């Protein structure tokens, strides 16, 4: 039996952006062999965010089980302030650099991220991309192996991402930064910046 050799690493957080990216790759580029990876980051922001993301990812992976890909996950825990974008890019680089079959690394960066980044004095995403390049460039015994970053949904905004997804799959995503546990059930806060963005996008989108 031939071993599955993925050529594209897809970083899946469980939020709208990365889920839409994964769905787009699966449905429009079936020739790609995907390694889908979820990095659970527990730290300064919220003690339940990583739990909500893990639950979302589990549901998403089960929903997409009929597609052909491999899946893995692991976790980081921080007791201090750590920008998750920077951790994501670093971890993605380590995974990609250590697998000589991986040619591209897909990140769920969207149109509004690019617009916001242009106005930021300090950008965690820019720093993350710089970290990615340093890791790839300095990884030992890479034998010319140089995975590239790709952003498959960078031309889309959140309304367009919602339109892209089946409604059932969209409802499985969790972009909330401060989810809470109410009677042992995880619920989005409905007030954080990400929740407001999703709410506004949904109200302007016919799903």
Protein backbone atom coordinates (compact mmCIF):
# COMPACT_ATOMS: atom_id res chain seq x y z
CA UNK A 1 0.00 0.00 0.00
CA UNK A 2 1.44 3.36 -1.06
CA UNK A 3 2.05 5.86 1.73
CA UNK A 4 0.07 9.08 1.41
CA UNK A 5 2.55 11.85 0.60
CA UNK A 6 1.01 15.27 1.11
CA UNK A 7 2.43 18.15 -0.92
CA UNK A 8 0.48 20.98 0.76
CA UNK A 9 0.32 21.73 4.47
CA UNK A 10 -2.97 23.40 5.46
CA UNK A 11 -3.12 25.16 8.82
CA UNK A 12 -6.67 24.81 10.21
CA UNK A 13 -7.68 26.83 13.28
CA UNK A 14 -11.39 26.03 13.15
CA UNK A 15 -12.33 29.62 12.35
CA UNK A 16 -14.19 30.84 9.27
CA UNK A 17 -11.11 31.87 7.28
CA UNK A 18 -9.09 28.67 7.54
CA UNK A 19 -12.17 26.45 7.15
CA UNK A 20 -13.19 28.23 3.96
CA UNK A 21 -9.62 27.92 2.71
CA UNK A 22 -9.58 24.18 3.35
CA UNK A 23 -12.98 23.70 1.70
CA UNK A 24 -11.88 25.72 -1.35
CA UNK A 25 -8.73 23.63 -1.77
CA UNK A 26 -10.64 20.36 -1.41
CA UNK A 27 -13.37 21.31 -3.87
CA UNK A 28 -11.45 23.31 -6.48
CA UNK A 29 -7.97 21.75 -6.42
CA UNK A 30 -8.53 18.02 -5.88
CA UNK A 31 -5.14 17.24 -7.40
CA UNK A 32 -3.46 18.57 -4.27
CA UNK A 33 -2.53 16.11 -1.54
CA UNK A 34 -3.29 17.84 1.73
CA UNK A 35 -1.88 17.49 5.20
CA UNK A 36 -4.35 19.36 7.43
CA UNK A 37 -2.92 20.41 10.78
CA UNK A 38 -4.56 22.01 13.81
CA UNK A 39 -2.38 23.82 16.33
CA UNK A 40 -4.12 24.30 19.67
CA UNK A 41 -2.79 27.38 21.47
CA UNK A 42 -3.74 27.78 25.11
CA UNK A 43 -2.52 30.96 26.73
CA UNK A 44 -2.98 34.56 27.64
CA UNK A 45 -6.14 35.38 25.74
CA UNK A 46 -8.74 33.01 27.13
CA UNK A 47 -8.77 29.67 28.94
CA UNK A 48 -11.59 28.30 26.78
CA UNK A 49 -10.67 29.54 23.28
CA UNK A 50 -8.54 26.49 22.52
CA UNK A 51 -11.35 24.18 23.66
CA UNK A 52 -13.86 25.86 21.36
CA UNK A 53 -11.43 25.65 18.44
CA UNK A 54 -10.70 21.97 19.11
CA UNK A 55 -14.43 21.19 19.16
CA UNK A 56 -14.93 23.12 15.92
CA UNK A 57 -12.02 21.38 14.19
CA UNK A 58 -13.25 17.94 15.25
CA UNK A 59 -16.68 18.65 13.74
CA UNK A 60 -15.15 20.12 10.57
CA UNK A 61 -12.82 17.16 10.00
CA UNK A 62 -15.70 14.73 10.50
CA UNK A 63 -17.88 16.71 8.08
CA UNK A 64 -15.15 16.60 5.41
CA UNK A 65 -14.28 12.93 5.98
CA UNK A 66 -15.28 11.93 2.45
CA UNK A 67 -12.43 14.00 1.02
CA UNK A 68 -8.89 12.64 0.77
CA UNK A 69 -6.41 14.22 3.20
CA UNK A 70 -4.37 13.41 6.29
CA UNK A 71 -4.89 15.17 9.61
CA UNK A 72 -2.71 15.88 12.63
CA UNK A 73 -2.75 18.16 15.64
CA UNK A 74 -0.69 19.29 18.58
CA UNK A 75 -0.70 21.99 21.24
CA UNK A 76 1.24 24.84 22.78
CA UNK A 77 0.59 26.42 26.15
CA UNK A 78 1.71 29.91 27.09
CA UNK A 79 1.58 31.69 30.43
CA UNK A 80 2.48 35.00 28.82
CA UNK A 81 1.26 37.16 25.95
CA UNK A 82 1.94 35.44 22.63
CA UNK A 83 0.48 36.44 19.27
CA UNK A 84 -1.11 33.31 17.84
CA UNK A 85 -0.26 34.32 14.24
CA UNK A 86 3.45 34.28 15.04
CA UNK A 87 3.20 30.90 16.75
CA UNK A 88 1.19 29.53 13.81
CA UNK A 89 3.77 30.61 11.22
CA UNK A 90 6.64 29.26 13.29
CA UNK A 91 4.99 25.89 13.79
CA UNK A 92 3.93 25.67 10.14
CA UNK A 93 7.52 26.31 9.09
CA UNK A 94 8.83 23.56 11.38
CA UNK A 95 6.32 21.05 10.02
CA UNK A 96 6.94 21.98 6.40
CA UNK A 97 10.72 22.07 6.72
CA UNK A 98 10.79 18.62 8.29
CA UNK A 99 8.72 16.99 5.51
CA UNK A 100 10.55 16.98 2.17
CA UNK A 101 7.28 16.27 0.32
CA UNK A 102 5.66 19.55 1.39
CA UNK A 103 5.99 22.19 -1.32
CA UNK A 104 3.45 24.77 -0.12
CA UNK A 105 1.95 25.92 3.18
CA UNK A 106 -1.61 27.29 3.03
CA UNK A 107 -2.65 29.99 5.51
CA UNK A 108 -6.15 31.47 5.84
CA UNK A 109 -5.23 35.10 5.19
CA UNK A 110 -8.08 37.08 3.61
CA UNK A 111 -8.59 40.39 1.81
CA UNK A 112 -9.45 42.38 4.92
CA UNK A 113 -6.34 41.05 6.70
CA UNK A 114 -4.18 42.57 3.95
CA UNK A 115 -6.01 45.90 4.20
CA UNK A 116 -5.67 45.99 8.00
CA UNK A 117 -2.02 44.99 7.86
CA UNK A 118 -1.21 47.99 5.66
CA UNK A 119 -2.27 50.30 8.50
CA UNK A 120 -0.48 48.48 11.30
CA UNK A 121 2.78 49.80 12.72
CA UNK A 122 3.48 46.44 14.33
CA UNK A 123 2.05 43.46 12.47
CA UNK A 124 2.11 39.98 14.07
CA UNK A 125 1.39 38.54 10.61
CA UNK A 126 4.38 40.26 9.03
CA UNK A 127 6.51 39.05 11.92
CA UNK A 128 5.09 35.57 11.50
CA UNK A 129 5.98 35.46 7.82
CA UNK A 130 9.50 36.64 8.63
CA UNK A 131 9.82 33.87 11.22
CA UNK A 132 8.58 31.34 8.64
CA UNK A 133 11.27 32.39 6.16
CA UNK A 134 14.03 32.25 8.78
CA UNK A 135 13.04 28.73 9.87
CA UNK A 136 12.85 27.46 6.28
CA UNK A 137 16.15 29.11 5.34
CA UNK A 138 18.10 27.82 8.35
CA UNK A 139 16.56 24.34 8.76
CA UNK A 140 19.38 21.75 8.73
CA UNK A 141 19.72 19.10 5.99
CA UNK A 142 16.94 20.59 3.87
CA UNK A 143 18.71 19.62 0.60
CA UNK A 144 17.27 22.50 -1.38
CA UNK A 145 13.82 21.95 0.13
CA UNK A 146 12.09 25.34 0.36
CA UNK A 147 8.30 25.26 0.98
CA UNK A 148 6.43 28.41 -0.03
CA UNK A 149 3.58 30.21 1.69
CA UNK A 150 0.30 30.45 -0.21
CA UNK A 151 -2.91 32.28 0.68
CA UNK A 152 -5.76 30.60 -1.25
CA UNK A 153 -8.52 32.94 -0.01
CA UNK A 154 -6.62 36.23 0.11
CA UNK A 155 -8.85 37.74 -2.59
CA UNK A 156 -12.03 37.10 -0.56
CA UNK A 157 -13.74 38.94 2.30
CA UNK A 158 -15.78 37.34 5.07
CA UNK A 159 -19.10 37.68 3.24
CA UNK A 160 -17.60 35.78 0.30
CA UNK A 161 -16.18 33.12 2.61
CA UNK A 162 -19.62 32.54 4.10
CA UNK A 163 -21.11 32.18 0.60
CA UNK A 164 -18.38 29.70 -0.26
CA UNK A 165 -19.24 27.30 2.57
CA UNK A 166 -22.25 25.00 2.94
CA UNK A 167 -24.39 26.46 5.73
CA UNK A 168 -23.93 23.38 7.92
CA UNK A 169 -20.15 23.68 7.67
CA UNK A 170 -20.22 27.43 8.31
CA UNK A 171 -22.13 26.85 11.55
CA UNK A 172 -19.39 24.49 12.74
CA UNK A 173 -16.70 27.18 12.60
CA UNK A 174 -15.62 29.15 15.66
CA UNK A 175 -13.78 32.46 15.31
CA UNK A 176 -14.65 33.79 18.78
CA UNK A 177 -11.72 35.10 20.81
CA UNK A 178 -13.45 34.77 24.18
CA UNK A 179 -15.83 31.79 24.20
CA UNK A 180 -17.44 30.87 27.51
CA UNK A 181 -18.78 27.76 29.18
CA UNK A 182 -22.45 27.98 30.14
CA UNK A 183 -23.94 24.90 31.85
CA UNK A 184 -21.05 22.80 30.52
CA UNK A 185 -21.69 24.00 26.94
CA UNK A 186 -19.22 26.14 24.99
CA UNK A 187 -20.81 29.32 23.61
CA UNK A 188 -19.37 32.22 21.62
CA UNK A 189 -19.25 35.53 23.49
CA UNK A 190 -20.95 37.49 20.71
CA UNK A 191 -19.03 40.64 21.72
CA UNK A 192 -15.39 40.25 20.72
CA UNK A 193 -14.04 41.74 17.49
CA UNK A 194 -14.17 38.43 15.63
CA UNK A 195 -17.76 37.73 16.70
CA UNK A 196 -18.80 41.20 15.53
CA UNK A 197 -17.06 40.71 12.19
CA UNK A 198 -18.83 37.39 11.61
CA UNK A 199 -22.18 38.83 12.67
CA UNK A 200 -21.82 41.79 10.32
CA UNK A 201 -20.71 39.57 7.45
CA UNK A 202 -23.57 37.15 8.04
CA UNK A 203 -26.15 39.95 8.12
CA UNK A 204 -24.90 41.15 4.73
CA UNK A 205 -24.77 37.67 3.19
CA UNK A 206 -27.44 35.45 1.78
CA UNK A 207 -26.34 31.96 2.91
